[in-house]
C-alpha atoms as a PDB file:
ATOM      1  CA  MET A   1       0.000   0.000   0.000  1.00  0.00           C
ATOM      2  CA  LYS A   2       2.899   2.368   0.737  1.00  0.00           C
ATOM      3  CA  GLN A   3       4.110   1.935  -2.847  1.00  0.00           C
ATOM      4  CA  ILE A   4       0.703   2.885  -4.239  1.00  0.00           C
ATOM      5  CA  ILE A   5       0.454   5.983  -2.049  1.00  0.00           C
ATOM      6  CA  GLY A   6       4.065   6.984  -2.747  1.00  0.00           C
ATOM      7  CA  LEU A   7       3.734   6.698  -6.518  1.00  0.00           C
ATOM      8  CA  SER A   8       0.339   8.448  -6.422  1.00  0.00           C
ATOM      9  CA  VAL A   9       1.792  11.403  -4.520  1.00  0.00           C
ATOM     10  CA  PHE A  10       4.801  11.564  -6.870  1.00  0.00           C
ATOM     11  CA  LEU A  11       2.539  11.622  -9.947  1.00  0.00           C
ATOM     12  CA  ALA A  12       0.235  14.245  -8.420  1.00  0.00           C
ATOM     13  CA  LEU A  13       3.264  16.432  -7.580  1.00  0.00           C
ATOM     14  CA  ALA A  14       4.664  16.021 -11.117  1.00  0.00           C
ATOM     15  CA  ASP A  15       1.276  17.044 -12.521  1.00  0.00           C
ATOM     16  CA  GLN A  16       1.156  20.073 -10.212  1.00  0.00           C
ATOM     17  CA  ALA A  17       4.707  21.126 -11.120  1.00  0.00           C
ATOM     18  CA  ILE A  18       3.875  21.178 -14.835  1.00  0.00           C
ATOM     19  CA  LYS A  19       0.637  23.067 -14.184  1.00  0.00           C
ATOM     20  CA  ALA A  20       2.455  25.623 -12.008  1.00  0.00           C
ATOM     21  CA  LEU A  21       4.777  26.339 -14.927  1.00  0.00           C
ATOM     22  CA  ILE A  22       1.824  26.649 -17.316  1.00  0.00           C
ATOM     23  CA  ARG A  23       0.006  29.040 -14.952  1.00  0.00           C
ATOM     24  CA  THR A  24       2.933  31.504 -15.049  1.00  0.00           C
ATOM     25  CA  ARG A  25       1.527  32.936 -18.294  1.00  0.00           C
ATOM     26  CA  PRO A  26      -1.961  34.183 -19.169  1.00  0.00           C
ATOM     27  CA  GLU A  27      -4.644  31.768 -20.299  1.00  0.00           C
ATOM     28  CA  GLY A  28      -4.558  31.293 -24.066  1.00  0.00           C
ATOM     29  CA  THR A  29      -0.767  31.577 -24.268  1.00  0.00           C
ATOM     30  CA  VAL A  30       0.862  29.022 -26.570  1.00  0.00           C
ATOM     31  CA  TYR A  31       4.187  27.902 -25.076  1.00  0.00           C
ATOM     32  CA  TRP A  32       5.312  25.492 -27.731  1.00  0.00           C
ATOM     33  CA  SER A  33       3.954  24.007 -30.932  1.00  0.00           C
ATOM     34  CA  LEU A  34       4.715  21.168 -33.291  1.00  0.00           C
ATOM     35  CA  PRO A  35       2.740  22.465 -36.282  1.00  0.00           C
ATOM     36  CA  HIS A  36      -0.227  20.322 -37.328  1.00  0.00           C
ATOM     37  CA  TRP A  37       0.323  17.916 -34.396  1.00  0.00           C
ATOM     38  CA  VAL A  38       0.336  19.325 -30.869  1.00  0.00           C
ATOM     39  CA  GLU A  39       0.752  22.522 -28.912  1.00  0.00           C
ATOM     40  CA  ILE A  40       1.252  23.366 -25.272  1.00  0.00           C
ATOM     41  CA  THR A  41      -1.203  26.095 -24.319  1.00  0.00           C
ATOM     42  CA  HIS A  42      -2.799  27.441 -21.141  1.00  0.00           C
ATOM     43  CA  ARG A  43      -6.512  26.706 -20.616  1.00  0.00           C
ATOM     44  CA  GLN A  44      -8.697  26.557 -17.492  1.00  0.00           C
ATOM     45  CA  ASN A  45     -11.556  24.053 -17.151  1.00  0.00           C
ATOM     46  CA  THR A  46     -14.138  24.306 -14.362  1.00  0.00           C
ATOM     47  CA  GLY A  47     -15.962  21.173 -15.514  1.00  0.00           C
ATOM     48  CA  ALA A  48     -15.188  17.493 -15.670  1.00  0.00           C
ATOM     49  CA  ALA A  49     -14.100  15.594 -18.797  1.00  0.00           C
ATOM     50  CA  PHE A  50     -14.961  17.454 -22.004  1.00  0.00           C
ATOM     51  CA  SER A  51     -15.996  20.437 -19.810  1.00  0.00           C
ATOM     52  CA  LEU A  52     -19.100  18.582 -18.612  1.00  0.00           C
ATOM     53  CA  PHE A  53     -20.845  20.257 -15.664  1.00  0.00           C
ATOM     54  CA  SER A  54     -18.620  23.355 -15.954  1.00  0.00           C
ATOM     55  CA  GLU A  55     -21.466  25.411 -14.475  1.00  0.00           C
ATOM     56  CA  HIS A  56     -21.315  23.257 -11.300  1.00  0.00           C
ATOM     57  CA  PRO A  57     -17.628  23.234 -10.243  1.00  0.00           C
ATOM     58  CA  GLN A  58     -18.410  22.550  -6.561  1.00  0.00           C
ATOM     59  CA  MET A  59     -20.382  19.436  -7.498  1.00  0.00           C
ATOM     60  CA  VAL A  60     -17.519  18.208  -9.712  1.00  0.00           C
ATOM     61  CA  MET A  61     -15.022  18.799  -6.896  1.00  0.00           C
ATOM     62  CA  MET A  62     -17.144  16.926  -4.335  1.00  0.00           C
ATOM     63  CA  LEU A  63     -17.770  14.035  -6.715  1.00  0.00           C
ATOM     64  CA  THR A  64     -14.047  13.797  -7.480  1.00  0.00           C
ATOM     65  CA  ALA A  65     -13.181  13.736  -3.766  1.00  0.00           C
ATOM     66  CA  LEU A  66     -15.790  11.039  -3.089  1.00  0.00           C
ATOM     67  CA  LEU A  67     -14.542   8.873  -5.955  1.00  0.00           C
ATOM     68  CA  LEU A  68     -10.949   9.172  -4.739  1.00  0.00           C
ATOM     69  CA  LEU A  69     -11.990   8.204  -1.202  1.00  0.00           C
ATOM     70  CA  PHE A  70     -13.965   5.244  -2.546  1.00  0.00           C
ATOM     71  CA  LEU A  71     -11.022   4.094  -4.665  1.00  0.00           C
ATOM     72  CA  THR A  72      -8.610   4.417  -1.744  1.00  0.00           C
ATOM     73  CA  ALA A  73     -10.930   2.424   0.520  1.00  0.00           C
ATOM     74  CA  ALA A  74     -11.303  -0.261  -2.160  1.00  0.00           C
ATOM     75  CA  VAL A  75      -7.520  -0.534  -2.524  1.00  0.00           C
ATOM     76  CA  PHE A  76      -7.089  -0.909   1.244  1.00  0.00           C
ATOM     77  CA  ARG A  77      -9.483  -3.856   1.165  1.00  0.00           C
ATOM     78  CA  ARG A  78      -7.895  -5.468  -1.890  1.00  0.00           C
ATOM     79  CA  LEU A  79      -4.196  -5.608  -1.139  1.00  0.00           C
ATOM     80  CA  ARG A  80      -3.627  -8.564  -3.440  1.00  0.00           C
ATOM     81  CA  LEU A  81      -3.458  -6.518  -6.643  1.00  0.00           C
ATOM     82  CA  THR A  82      -0.975  -7.536  -9.321  1.00  0.00           C
ATOM     83  CA  THR A  83       1.907  -5.189 -10.073  1.00  0.00           C
ATOM     84  CA  PRO A  84       0.236  -3.771 -13.227  1.00  0.00           C
ATOM     85  CA  ALA A  85      -2.964  -3.202 -11.226  1.00  0.00           C
ATOM     86  CA  ARG A  86      -1.055  -1.422  -8.450  1.00  0.00           C
ATOM     87  CA  LEU A  87       0.651   0.815 -11.026  1.00  0.00           C
ATOM     88  CA  ALA A  88      -2.691   1.601 -12.664  1.00  0.00           C
ATOM     89  CA  VAL A  89      -4.335   2.391  -9.316  1.00  0.00           C
ATOM     90  CA  SER A  90      -1.382   4.643  -8.449  1.00  0.00           C
ATOM     91  CA  ALA A  91      -1.783   6.509 -11.740  1.00  0.00           C
ATOM     92  CA  LEU A  92      -5.532   6.835 -11.204  1.00  0.00           C
ATOM     93  CA  LEU A  93      -5.094   8.210  -7.690  1.00  0.00           C
ATOM     94  CA  GLY A  94      -2.236  10.484  -8.758  1.00  0.00           C
ATOM     95  CA  GLY A  95      -4.198  11.919 -11.667  1.00  0.00           C
ATOM     96  CA  GLY A  96      -7.307  12.336  -9.561  1.00  0.00           C
ATOM     97  CA  LEU A  97      -5.351  14.068  -6.803  1.00  0.00           C
ATOM     98  CA  GLY A  98      -3.653  16.356  -9.317  1.00  0.00           C
ATOM     99  CA  ASN A  99      -6.941  17.565 -10.782  1.00  0.00           C
ATOM    100  CA  LEU A 100      -8.608  17.744  -7.356  1.00  0.00           C
ATOM    101  CA  ALA A 101      -5.780  19.974  -6.092  1.00  0.00           C
ATOM    102  CA  ASP A 102      -6.420  22.328  -9.016  1.00  0.00           C
ATOM    103  CA  ARG A 103     -10.112  22.505  -8.188  1.00  0.00           C
ATOM    104  CA  LEU A 104      -9.453  23.124  -4.488  1.00  0.00           C
ATOM    105  CA  PHE A 105      -6.724  25.758  -4.846  1.00  0.00           C
ATOM    106  CA  PHE A 106      -7.517  27.428  -8.182  1.00  0.00           C
ATOM    107  CA  GLY A 107     -11.223  26.766  -8.781  1.00  0.00           C
ATOM    108  CA  ALA A 108     -10.515  25.121 -12.143  1.00  0.00           C
ATOM    109  CA  VAL A 109      -8.267  22.477 -13.689  1.00  0.00           C
ATOM    110  CA  THR A 110      -5.286  23.740 -15.687  1.00  0.00           C
ATOM    111  CA  ASP A 111      -5.179  22.030 -19.085  1.00  0.00           C
ATOM    112  CA  TYR A 112      -2.356  22.475 -21.573  1.00  0.00           C
ATOM    113  CA  ILE A 113      -2.019  19.695 -24.177  1.00  0.00           C
ATOM    114  CA  ARG A 114      -3.884  20.515 -27.384  1.00  0.00           C
ATOM    115  CA  LEU A 115      -3.908  18.056 -30.273  1.00  0.00           C
ATOM    116  CA  LEU A 116      -3.978  19.864 -33.601  1.00  0.00           C
ATOM    117  CA  PHE A 117      -4.597  16.898 -35.911  1.00  0.00           C
ATOM    118  CA  ILE A 118      -8.016  16.105 -34.414  1.00  0.00           C
ATOM    119  CA  ARG A 119     -10.803  18.097 -32.816  1.00  0.00           C
ATOM    120  CA  PHE A 120     -10.368  17.183 -29.144  1.00  0.00           C
ATOM    121  CA  PRO A 121     -10.532  19.059 -25.819  1.00  0.00           C
ATOM    122  CA  VAL A 122      -7.335  20.421 -24.269  1.00  0.00           C
ATOM    123  CA  PHE A 123      -6.095  18.087 -21.506  1.00  0.00           C
ATOM    124  CA  ASN A 124      -3.235  17.563 -19.027  1.00  0.00           C
ATOM    125  CA  LEU A 125      -0.961  14.903 -17.525  1.00  0.00           C
ATOM    126  CA  ALA A 126      -3.528  14.024 -14.840  1.00  0.00           C
ATOM    127  CA  ASP A 127      -6.144  13.374 -17.542  1.00  0.00           C
ATOM    128  CA  VAL A 128      -3.704  11.078 -19.369  1.00  0.00           C
ATOM    129  CA  LEU A 129      -2.965   9.187 -16.134  1.00  0.00           C
ATOM    130  CA  ILE A 130      -6.669   8.768 -15.376  1.00  0.00           C
ATOM    131  CA  THR A 131      -7.576   7.618 -18.885  1.00  0.00           C
ATOM    132  CA  LEU A 132      -4.726   5.140 -19.252  1.00  0.00           C
ATOM    133  CA  SER A 133      -5.207   3.733 -15.751  1.00  0.00           C
ATOM    134  CA  VAL A 134      -8.936   3.144 -16.236  1.00  0.00           C
ATOM    135  CA  ALA A 135      -8.261   1.409 -19.573  1.00  0.00           C
ATOM    136  CA  THR A 136      -5.534  -0.708 -17.951  1.00  0.00           C
ATOM    137  CA  LEU A 137      -7.726  -1.672 -14.987  1.00  0.00           C
ATOM    138  CA  MET A 138     -10.572  -2.662 -17.305  1.00  0.00           C
ATOM    139  CA  LEU A 139      -8.205  -4.794 -19.396  1.00  0.00           C
ATOM    140  CA  LEU A 140      -6.788  -6.440 -16.269  1.00  0.00           C
ATOM    141  CA  LEU A 141     -10.272  -7.077 -14.919  1.00  0.00           C
ATOM    142  CA  PHE A 142     -11.493  -8.646 -18.164  1.00  0.00           C
ATOM    143  CA  THR A 143      -8.399 -10.828 -18.521  1.00  0.00           C
ATOM    144  CA  GLY A 144      -8.432 -11.995 -14.905  1.00  0.00           C
ATOM    145  CA  ARG A 145      -5.110 -10.299 -14.077  1.00  0.00           C
ATOM    146  CA  LEU A 146      -6.307  -7.719 -11.564  1.00  0.00           C
ATOM    147  CA  GLU A 147      -5.460  -9.763  -8.466  1.00  0.00           C
ATOM    148  CA  VAL A 148      -2.637 -12.114  -7.573  1.00  0.00           C
ATOM    149  CA  PRO A 149      -3.961 -15.720  -7.773  1.00  0.00           C
ATOM    150  CA  SER A 150      -4.919 -17.436  -4.491  1.00  0.00           C
ATOM    151  CA  GLY A 151      -2.056 -18.985  -2.615  1.00  0.00           C
ATOM    152  CA  GLU A 152       0.524 -16.464  -3.867  1.00  0.00           C
ATOM    153  CA  THR A 153       1.610 -13.592  -1.695  1.00  0.00           C
ATOM    154  CA  HIS A 154       2.433 -10.162  -3.021  1.00  0.00           C
ATOM    155  CA  GLU A 155       3.488  -7.220  -0.868  1.00  0.00           C
END
């Protein structure tokens, strides 16, 4: 469990460090661009994914906090996760904590990665961590590789 918490905190701090750098310039500023592919730009998002519920930021913040508490409680009960599952849970918690910190301290999530080759919302490292970890956990669940098999110990 210490490994999960440690990696989660590290990922949340990495996310916050990048966002702190992005917030040094006004919203809308483009920091860097690879023409036709991607740009790093400053955007604020008060909503959830795809700016859903942006008119209810307090509700989004409370729901995020509740989901993180639920996930943490579930992990405490299920300490027999495989290594890939522990890494995915760490990424999910780290990403969730990173975005929750933004909501608590700044009232909105700082997004900065904008794909130019497709019409897609601007996102951040925490969003990537959350998306990849959920996909990984679903794959592990469906393939029966979420937990260490009975009889084996895994700390």
